Amino acid sequence: MAEKTDYEALAANLLKAELKRKGVTYAQLVERLNAIGVDEKEVNVRNKLSRGKFTAAFLLQCLSAIGSQTLHLG
Protein backbone atom coordinates (compact mmCIF):
# COMPACT_ATOMS: atom_id res chain seq x y z
CA MET A 1 0.00 0.00 0.00
CA ALA A 2 1.17 3.52 -0.75
CA GLU A 3 2.59 5.62 2.07
CA LYS A 4 0.89 8.82 3.21
CA THR A 5 3.80 10.82 1.79
CA ASP A 6 3.18 9.20 -1.62
CA TYR A 7 -0.34 10.61 -1.62
CA GLU A 8 0.89 14.00 -0.43
CA ALA A 9 3.35 14.10 -3.34
CA LEU A 10 0.61 12.97 -5.73
CA ALA A 11 -1.71 15.76 -4.54
CA ALA A 12 1.00 18.40 -4.85
CA ASN A 13 2.06 17.19 -8.29
CA LEU A 14 -1.55 17.06 -9.44
CA LEU A 15 -2.13 20.67 -8.40
CA LYS A 16 1.17 21.83 -9.91
CA ALA A 17 0.30 20.09 -13.19
CA GLU A 18 -3.12 21.78 -13.28
CA LEU A 19 -1.53 25.16 -12.66
CA LYS A 20 0.96 24.54 -15.47
CA ARG A 21 -1.76 23.28 -17.80
CA LYS A 22 -3.85 26.39 -17.15
CA GLY A 23 -0.81 28.69 -17.36
CA VAL A 24 -1.41 30.03 -13.86
CA THR A 25 1.50 31.23 -11.71
CA TYR A 26 1.54 31.07 -7.93
CA ALA A 27 1.00 34.84 -7.80
CA GLN A 28 -2.03 34.53 -10.07
CA LEU A 29 -3.35 31.63 -8.00
CA VAL A 30 -3.15 33.79 -4.87
CA GLU A 31 -5.08 36.58 -6.64
CA ARG A 32 -7.75 34.11 -7.75
CA LEU A 33 -7.98 32.56 -4.29
CA ASN A 34 -8.37 36.02 -2.76
CA ALA A 35 -11.14 36.77 -5.29
CA ILE A 36 -13.15 33.78 -4.00
CA GLY A 37 -12.57 34.76 -0.36
CA VAL A 38 -9.58 32.55 0.45
CA ASP A 39 -6.89 34.61 2.18
CA GLU A 40 -3.49 33.22 1.19
CA LYS A 41 -0.05 34.66 0.61
CA GLU A 42 2.19 33.56 -2.24
CA VAL A 43 4.93 32.34 0.09
CA ASN A 44 2.41 30.15 1.96
CA VAL A 45 1.12 28.64 -1.29
CA ARG A 46 4.69 27.91 -2.43
CA ASN A 47 5.46 26.22 0.89
CA LYS A 48 2.29 24.13 0.84
CA LEU A 49 2.98 22.89 -2.67
CA SER A 50 6.66 22.21 -2.06
CA ARG A 51 5.92 20.23 1.12
CA GLY A 52 2.78 18.59 -0.24
CA LYS A 53 1.07 19.37 3.06
CA PHE A 54 -2.35 20.88 2.51
CA THR A 55 -5.96 19.97 3.09
CA ALA A 56 -8.39 18.56 0.59
CA ALA A 57 -10.35 21.79 1.05
CA PHE A 58 -7.32 23.83 -0.07
CA LEU A 59 -6.89 21.57 -3.11
CA LEU A 60 -10.54 22.08 -4.06
CA GLN A 61 -10.32 25.83 -3.50
CA CYS A 62 -7.29 26.03 -5.80
CA LEU A 63 -8.91 23.89 -8.49
CA SER A 64 -12.05 25.99 -8.31
CA ALA A 65 -10.06 29.24 -8.45
CA ILE A 66 -8.26 28.18 -11.63
CA GLY A 67 -11.40 26.83 -13.27
CA SER A 68 -10.53 23.14 -13.36
CA GLN A 69 -13.61 21.07 -14.11
CA THR A 70 -12.11 17.59 -14.31
CA LEU A 71 -9.05 15.75 -13.04
CA HIS A 72 -7.20 12.74 -14.42
CA LEU A 73 -5.58 10.72 -11.67
CA GLY A 74 -3.65 8.15 -13.56
PDB file of N, CA and C in Angstrom:
ATOM      1  N   MET A   1       0.843  -1.183   0.000  1.00  0.00           N
ATOM      2  CA  MET A   1       0.000   0.000   0.000  1.00  0.00           C
ATOM      3  C   MET A   1       0.885   1.243   0.000  1.00  0.00           C
ATOM      4  N   ALA A   2       0.399   2.282  -0.645  1.00  0.00           N
ATOM      5  CA  ALA A   2       1.165   3.522  -0.751  1.00  0.00           C
ATOM      6  C   ALA A   2       1.243   4.228   0.595  1.00  0.00           C
ATOM      7  N   GLU A   3       2.379   4.840   0.849  1.00  0.00           N
ATOM      8  CA  GLU A   3       2.593   5.620   2.066  1.00  0.00           C
ATOM      9  C   GLU A   3       1.818   6.928   1.993  1.00  0.00           C
ATOM     10  N   LYS A   4       1.571   7.526   3.159  1.00  0.00           N
ATOM     11  CA  LYS A   4       0.892   8.823   3.207  1.00  0.00           C
ATOM     12  C   LYS A   4       1.662   9.862   2.398  1.00  0.00           C
ATOM     13  N   THR A   5       2.987   9.839   2.508  1.00  0.00           N
ATOM     14  CA  THR A   5       3.797  10.816   1.787  1.00  0.00           C
ATOM     15  C   THR A   5       3.666  10.653   0.281  1.00  0.00           C
ATOM     16  N   ASP A   6       3.410   9.419  -0.191  1.00  0.00           N
ATOM     17  CA  ASP A   6       3.184   9.203  -1.618  1.00  0.00           C
ATOM     18  C   ASP A   6       1.940   9.951  -2.076  1.00  0.00           C
ATOM     19  N   TYR A   7       0.900   9.908  -1.271  1.00  0.00           N
ATOM     20  CA  TYR A   7      -0.338  10.606  -1.620  1.00  0.00           C
ATOM     21  C   TYR A   7      -0.176  12.118  -1.512  1.00  0.00           C
ATOM     22  N   GLU A   8       0.619  12.564  -0.549  1.00  0.00           N
ATOM     23  CA  GLU A   8       0.887  13.996  -0.432  1.00  0.00           C
ATOM     24  C   GLU A   8       1.626  14.490  -1.673  1.00  0.00           C
ATOM     25  N   ALA A   9       2.604  13.733  -2.126  1.00  0.00           N
ATOM     26  CA  ALA A   9       3.346  14.098  -3.336  1.00  0.00           C
ATOM     27  C   ALA A   9       2.424  14.062  -4.548  1.00  0.00           C
ATOM     28  N   LEU A  10       1.555  13.069  -4.621  1.00  0.00           N
ATOM     29  CA  LEU A  10       0.607  12.968  -5.730  1.00  0.00           C
ATOM     30  C   LEU A  10      -0.312  14.186  -5.762  1.00  0.00           C
ATOM     31  N   ALA A  11      -0.819  14.592  -4.607  1.00  0.00           N
ATOM     32  CA  ALA A  11      -1.712  15.756  -4.542  1.00  0.00           C
ATOM     33  C   ALA A  11      -0.980  17.027  -4.975  1.00  0.00           C
ATOM     34  N   ALA A  12       0.234  17.207  -4.491  1.00  0.00           N
ATOM     35  CA  ALA A  12       1.003  18.402  -4.848  1.00  0.00           C
ATOM     36  C   ALA A  12       1.324  18.404  -6.340  1.00  0.00           C
ATOM     37  N   ASN A  13       1.731  17.266  -6.867  1.00  0.00           N
ATOM     38  CA  ASN A  13       2.061  17.190  -8.290  1.00  0.00           C
ATOM     39  C   ASN A  13       0.833  17.382  -9.167  1.00  0.00           C
ATOM     40  N   LEU A  14      -0.303  16.878  -8.711  1.00  0.00           N
ATOM     41  CA  LEU A  14      -1.550  17.059  -9.444  1.00  0.00           C
ATOM     42  C   LEU A  14      -1.908  18.539  -9.535  1.00  0.00           C
ATOM     43  N   LEU A  15      -1.806  19.241  -8.411  1.00  0.00           N
ATOM     44  CA  LEU A  15      -2.126  20.665  -8.405  1.00  0.00           C
ATOM     45  C   LEU A  15      -1.121  21.461  -9.234  1.00  0.00           C
ATOM     46  N   LYS A  16       0.155  21.140  -9.109  1.00  0.00           N
ATOM     47  CA  LYS A  16       1.172  21.825  -9.907  1.00  0.00           C
ATOM     48  C   LYS A  16       0.931  21.617 -11.406  1.00  0.00           C
ATOM     49  N   ALA A  17       0.568  20.393 -11.773  1.00  0.00           N
ATOM     50  CA  ALA A  17       0.301  20.095 -13.187  1.00  0.00           C
ATOM     51  C   ALA A  17      -0.903  20.881 -13.695  1.00  0.00           C
ATOM     52  N   GLU A  18      -1.941  21.009 -12.880  1.00  0.00           N
ATOM     53  CA  GLU A  18      -3.117  21.779 -13.280  1.00  0.00           C
ATOM     54  C   GLU A  18      -2.772  23.251 -13.439  1.00  0.00           C
ATOM     55  N   LEU A  19      -1.954  23.770 -12.545  1.00  0.00           N
ATOM     56  CA  LEU A  19      -1.530  25.160 -12.659  1.00  0.00           C
ATOM     57  C   LEU A  19      -0.747  25.370 -13.953  1.00  0.00           C
ATOM     58  N   LYS A  20       0.155  24.453 -14.241  1.00  0.00           N
ATOM     59  CA  LYS A  20       0.957  24.545 -15.467  1.00  0.00           C
ATOM     60  C   LYS A  20       0.066  24.445 -16.700  1.00  0.00           C
ATOM     61  N   ARG A  21      -0.866  23.484 -16.661  1.00  0.00           N
ATOM     62  CA  ARG A  21      -1.760  23.277 -17.799  1.00  0.00           C
ATOM     63  C   ARG A  21      -2.605  24.513 -18.077  1.00  0.00           C
ATOM     64  N   LYS A  22      -3.025  25.187 -17.025  1.00  0.00           N
ATOM     65  CA  LYS A  22      -3.851  26.389 -17.154  1.00  0.00           C
ATOM     66  C   LYS A  22      -3.013  27.657 -17.352  1.00  0.00           C
ATOM     67  N   GLY A  23      -1.687  27.527 -17.211  1.00  0.00           N
ATOM     68  CA  GLY A  23      -0.813  28.689 -17.363  1.00  0.00           C
ATOM     69  C   GLY A  23      -0.947  29.681 -16.227  1.00  0.00           C
ATOM     70  N   VAL A  24      -1.189  29.178 -15.026  1.00  0.00           N
ATOM     71  CA  VAL A  24      -1.411  30.033 -13.857  1.00  0.00           C
ATOM     72  C   VAL A  24      -0.182  29.983 -12.950  1.00  0.00           C
ATOM     73  N   THR A  25       0.358  31.144 -12.633  1.00  0.00           N
ATOM     74  CA  THR A  25       1.497  31.231 -11.714  1.00  0.00           C
ATOM     75  C   THR A  25       0.988  31.199 -10.272  1.00  0.00           C
ATOM     76  N   TYR A  26       1.920  31.032  -9.340  1.00  0.00           N
ATOM     77  CA  TYR A  26       1.538  31.069  -7.927  1.00  0.00           C
ATOM     78  C   TYR A  26       0.944  32.426  -7.561  1.00  0.00           C
ATOM     79  N   ALA A  27       1.522  33.494  -8.087  1.00  0.00           N
ATOM     80  CA  ALA A  27       1.003  34.841  -7.802  1.00  0.00           C
ATOM     81  C   ALA A  27      -0.426  34.986  -8.321  1.00  0.00           C
ATOM     82  N   GLN A  28      -0.680  34.476  -9.515  1.00  0.00           N
ATOM     83  CA  GLN A  28      -2.033  34.532 -10.074  1.00  0.00           C
ATOM     84  C   GLN A  28      -2.993  33.656  -9.276  1.00  0.00           C
ATOM     85  N   LEU A  29      -2.505  32.505  -8.826  1.00  0.00           N
ATOM     86  CA  LEU A  29      -3.349  31.630  -8.000  1.00  0.00           C
ATOM     87  C   LEU A  29      -3.770  32.358  -6.734  1.00  0.00           C
ATOM     88  N   VAL A  30      -2.837  33.048  -6.095  1.00  0.00           N
ATOM     89  CA  VAL A  30      -3.150  33.792  -4.873  1.00  0.00           C
ATOM     90  C   VAL A  30      -4.210  34.854  -5.156  1.00  0.00           C
ATOM     91  N   GLU A  31      -4.075  35.569  -6.268  1.00  0.00           N
ATOM     92  CA  GLU A  31      -5.077  36.578  -6.641  1.00  0.00           C
ATOM     93  C   GLU A  31      -6.446  35.933  -6.831  1.00  0.00           C
ATOM     94  N   ARG A  32      -6.471  34.795  -7.505  1.00  0.00           N
ATOM     95  CA  ARG A  32      -7.749  34.110  -7.753  1.00  0.00           C
ATOM     96  C   ARG A  32      -8.340  33.544  -6.470  1.00  0.00           C
ATOM     97  N   LEU A  33      -7.487  33.043  -5.581  1.00  0.00           N
ATOM     98  CA  LEU A  33      -7.983  32.555  -4.291  1.00  0.00           C
ATOM     99  C   LEU A  33      -8.564  33.714  -3.488  1.00  0.00           C
ATOM    100  N   ASN A  34      -7.871  34.842  -3.479  1.00  0.00           N
ATOM    101  CA  ASN A  34      -8.373  36.016  -2.763  1.00  0.00           C
ATOM    102  C   ASN A  34      -9.721  36.464  -3.327  1.00  0.00           C
ATOM    103  N   ALA A  35      -9.883  36.350  -4.651  1.00  0.00           N
ATOM    104  CA  ALA A  35     -11.135  36.765  -5.295  1.00  0.00           C
ATOM    105  C   ALA A  35     -12.314  35.900  -4.863  1.00  0.00           C
ATOM    106  N   ILE A  36     -12.046  34.648  -4.452  1.00  0.00           N
ATOM    107  CA  ILE A  36     -13.148  33.781  -3.995  1.00  0.00           C
ATOM    108  C   ILE A  36     -13.212  33.716  -2.463  1.00  0.00           C
ATOM    109  N   GLY A  37     -12.470  34.640  -1.816  1.00  0.00           N
ATOM    110  CA  GLY A  37     -12.566  34.756  -0.361  1.00  0.00           C
ATOM    111  C   GLY A  37     -11.597  33.898   0.424  1.00  0.00           C
ATOM    112  N   VAL A  38     -10.579  33.359  -0.236  1.00  0.00           N
ATOM    113  CA  VAL A  38      -9.576  32.548   0.451  1.00  0.00           C
ATOM    114  C   VAL A  38      -8.322  33.405   0.631  1.00  0.00           C
ATOM    115  N   ASP A  39      -8.015  33.732   1.881  1.00  0.00           N
ATOM    116  CA  ASP A  39      -6.890  34.612   2.181  1.00  0.00           C
ATOM    117  C   ASP A  39      -5.603  33.800   2.257  1.00  0.00           C
ATOM    118  N   GLU A  40      -4.776  33.922   1.246  1.00  0.00           N
ATOM    119  CA  GLU A  40      -3.486  33.224   1.186  1.00  0.00           C
ATOM    120  C   GLU A  40      -2.421  34.195   0.717  1.00  0.00           C
ATOM    121  N   LYS A  41      -1.196  33.909   1.082  1.00  0.00           N
ATOM    122  CA  LYS A  41      -0.047  34.664   0.606  1.00  0.00           C
ATOM    123  C   LYS A  41       0.756  33.745  -0.306  1.00  0.00           C
ATOM    124  N   GLU A  42       1.454  34.356  -1.270  1.00  0.00           N
ATOM    125  CA  GLU A  42       2.194  33.555  -2.241  1.00  0.00           C
ATOM    126  C   GLU A  42       3.215  32.640  -1.574  1.00  0.00           C
ATOM    127  N   VAL A  43       3.923  33.145  -0.581  1.00  0.00           N
ATOM    128  CA  VAL A  43       4.933  32.336   0.094  1.00  0.00           C
ATOM    129  C   VAL A  43       4.296  31.114   0.761  1.00  0.00           C
ATOM    130  N   ASN A  44       3.102  31.273   1.319  1.00  0.00           N
ATOM    131  CA  ASN A  44       2.414  30.153   1.960  1.00  0.00           C
ATOM    132  C   ASN A  44       1.997  29.107   0.934  1.00  0.00           C
ATOM    133  N   VAL A  45       1.520  29.561  -0.223  1.00  0.00           N
ATOM    134  CA  VAL A  45       1.120  28.641  -1.286  1.00  0.00           C
ATOM    135  C   VAL A  45       2.343  27.871  -1.774  1.00  0.00           C
ATOM    136  N   ARG A  46       3.443  28.571  -1.992  1.00  0.00           N
ATOM    137  CA  ARG A  46       4.686  27.912  -2.430  1.00  0.00           C
ATOM    138  C   ARG A  46       5.116  26.836  -1.430  1.00  0.00           C
ATOM    139  N   ASN A  47       5.064  27.172  -0.152  1.00  0.00           N
ATOM    140  CA  ASN A  47       5.460  26.217   0.885  1.00  0.00           C
ATOM    141  C   ASN A  47       4.537  25.007   0.917  1.00  0.00           C
ATOM    142  N   LYS A  48       3.247  25.237   0.830  1.00  0.00           N
ATOM    143  CA  LYS A  48       2.287  24.129   0.844  1.00  0.00           C
ATOM    144  C   LYS A  48       2.551  23.180  -0.314  1.00  0.00           C
ATOM    145  N   LEU A  49       2.774  23.740  -1.501  1.00  0.00           N
ATOM    146  CA  LEU A  49       2.977  22.892  -2.673  1.00  0.00           C
ATOM    147  C   LEU A  49       4.341  22.210  -2.650  1.00  0.00           C
ATOM    148  N   SER A  50       5.348  22.851  -2.107  1.00  0.00           N
ATOM    149  CA  SER A  50       6.660  22.205  -2.064  1.00  0.00           C
ATOM    150  C   SER A  50       6.689  21.085  -1.024  1.00  0.00           C
ATOM    151  N   ARG A  51       5.987  21.265   0.083  1.00  0.00           N
ATOM    152  CA  ARG A  51       5.925  20.233   1.118  1.00  0.00           C
ATOM    153  C   ARG A  51       4.900  19.155   0.791  1.00  0.00           C
ATOM    154  N   GLY A  52       3.870  19.533   0.022  1.00  0.00           N
ATOM    155  CA  GLY A  52       2.781  18.593  -0.236  1.00  0.00           C
ATOM    156  C   GLY A  52       1.832  18.467   0.939  1.00  0.00           C
ATOM    157  N   LYS A  53       1.909  19.414   1.849  1.00  0.00           N
ATOM    158  CA  LYS A  53       1.072  19.374   3.061  1.00  0.00           C
ATOM    159  C   LYS A  53      -0.022  20.428   2.959  1.00  0.00           C
ATOM    160  N   PHE A  54      -1.201  19.993   2.540  1.00  0.00           N
ATOM    161  CA  PHE A  54      -2.352  20.884   2.505  1.00  0.00           C
ATOM    162  C   PHE A  54      -3.611  20.038   2.566  1.00  0.00           C
ATOM    163  N   THR A  55      -4.702  20.688   2.923  1.00  0.00           N
ATOM    164  CA  THR A  55      -5.962  19.973   3.094  1.00  0.00           C
ATOM    165  C   THR A  55      -6.639  19.727   1.748  1.00  0.00           C
ATOM    166  N   ALA A  56      -7.571  18.806   1.778  1.00  0.00           N
ATOM    167  CA  ALA A  56      -8.391  18.563   0.587  1.00  0.00           C
ATOM    168  C   ALA A  56      -9.190  19.817   0.254  1.00  0.00           C
ATOM    169  N   ALA A  57      -9.603  20.546   1.274  1.00  0.00           N
ATOM    170  CA  ALA A  57     -10.353  21.788   1.048  1.00  0.00           C
ATOM    171  C   ALA A  57      -9.495  22.791   0.279  1.00  0.00           C
ATOM    172  N   PHE A  58      -8.213  22.916   0.630  1.00  0.00           N
ATOM    173  CA  PHE A  58      -7.317  23.826  -0.074  1.00  0.00           C
ATOM    174  C   PHE A  58      -7.149  23.384  -1.524  1.00  0.00           C
ATOM    175  N   LEU A  59      -6.998  22.104  -1.749  1.00  0.00           N
ATOM    176  CA  LEU A  59      -6.891  21.574  -3.112  1.00  0.00           C
ATOM    177  C   LEU A  59      -8.125  21.953  -3.926  1.00  0.00           C
ATOM    178  N   LEU A  60      -9.298  21.751  -3.355  1.00  0.00           N
ATOM    179  CA  LEU A  60     -10.541  22.076  -4.060  1.00  0.00           C
ATOM    180  C   LEU A  60     -10.680  23.575  -4.289  1.00  0.00           C
ATOM    181  N   GLN A  61     -10.271  24.378  -3.320  1.00  0.00           N
ATOM    182  CA  GLN A  61     -10.315  25.833  -3.496  1.00  0.00           C
ATOM    183  C   GLN A  61      -9.422  26.262  -4.655  1.00  0.00           C
ATOM    184  N   CYS A  62      -8.221  25.696  -4.721  1.00  0.00           N
ATOM    185  CA  CYS A  62      -7.291  26.034  -5.804  1.00  0.00           C
ATOM    186  C   CYS A  62      -7.847  25.605  -7.151  1.00  0.00           C
ATOM    187  N   LEU A  63      -8.360  24.389  -7.230  1.00  0.00           N
ATOM    188  CA  LEU A  63      -8.906  23.895  -8.492  1.00  0.00           C
ATOM    189  C   LEU A  63     -10.088  24.742  -8.938  1.00  0.00           C
ATOM    190  N   SER A  64     -10.922  25.134  -7.994  1.00  0.00           N
ATOM    191  CA  SER A  64     -12.053  25.995  -8.309  1.00  0.00           C
ATOM    192  C   SER A  64     -11.575  27.363  -8.787  1.00  0.00           C
ATOM    193  N   ALA A  65     -10.574  27.916  -8.110  1.00  0.00           N
ATOM    194  CA  ALA A  65     -10.058  29.242  -8.445  1.00  0.00           C
ATOM    195  C   ALA A  65      -9.456  29.294  -9.848  1.00  0.00           C
ATOM    196  N   ILE A  66      -8.875  28.181 -10.298  1.00  0.00           N
ATOM    197  CA  ILE A  66      -8.256  28.184 -11.629  1.00  0.00           C
ATOM    198  C   ILE A  66      -9.185  27.641 -12.705  1.00  0.00           C
ATOM    199  N   GLY A  67     -10.399  27.251 -12.293  1.00  0.00           N
ATOM    200  CA  GLY A  67     -11.396  26.828 -13.273  1.00  0.00           C
ATOM    201  C   GLY A  67     -11.258  25.408 -13.761  1.00  0.00           C
ATOM    202  N   SER A  68     -10.638  24.550 -12.969  1.00  0.00           N
ATOM    203  CA  SER A  68     -10.535  23.144 -13.364  1.00  0.00           C
ATOM    204  C   SER A  68     -11.864  22.442 -13.135  1.00  0.00           C
ATOM    205  N   GLN A  69     -12.326  21.775 -14.176  1.00  0.00           N
ATOM    206  CA  GLN A  69     -13.606  21.071 -14.108  1.00  0.00           C
ATOM    207  C   GLN A  69     -13.435  19.579 -13.891  1.00  0.00           C
ATOM    208  N   THR A  70     -12.338  19.027 -14.418  1.00  0.00           N
ATOM    209  CA  THR A  70     -12.111  17.588 -14.313  1.00  0.00           C
ATOM    210  C   THR A  70     -10.643  17.330 -13.954  1.00  0.00           C
ATOM    211  N   LEU A  71     -10.402  16.158 -13.377  1.00  0.00           N
ATOM    212  CA  LEU A  71      -9.046  15.747 -13.040  1.00  0.00           C
ATOM    213  C   LEU A  71      -8.811  14.340 -13.572  1.00  0.00           C
ATOM    214  N   HIS A  72      -7.598  14.082 -13.986  1.00  0.00           N
ATOM    215  CA  HIS A  72      -7.202  12.744 -14.417  1.00  0.00           C
ATOM    216  C   HIS A  72      -6.143  12.253 -13.428  1.00  0.00           C
ATOM    217  N   LEU A  73      -6.455  11.179 -12.737  1.00  0.00           N
ATOM    218  CA  LEU A  73      -5.582  10.722 -11.666  1.00  0.00           C
ATOM    219  C   LEU A  73      -4.550   9.681 -12.081  1.00  0.00           C
ATOM    220  N   GLY A  74      -4.651   9.168 -13.273  1.00  0.00           N
ATOM    221  CA  GLY A  74      -3.651   8.155 -13.565  1.00  0.00           C
ATOM    222  C   GLY A  74      -3.578   7.674 -14.942  1.00  0.00           C
TER     223      GLY A  74
END
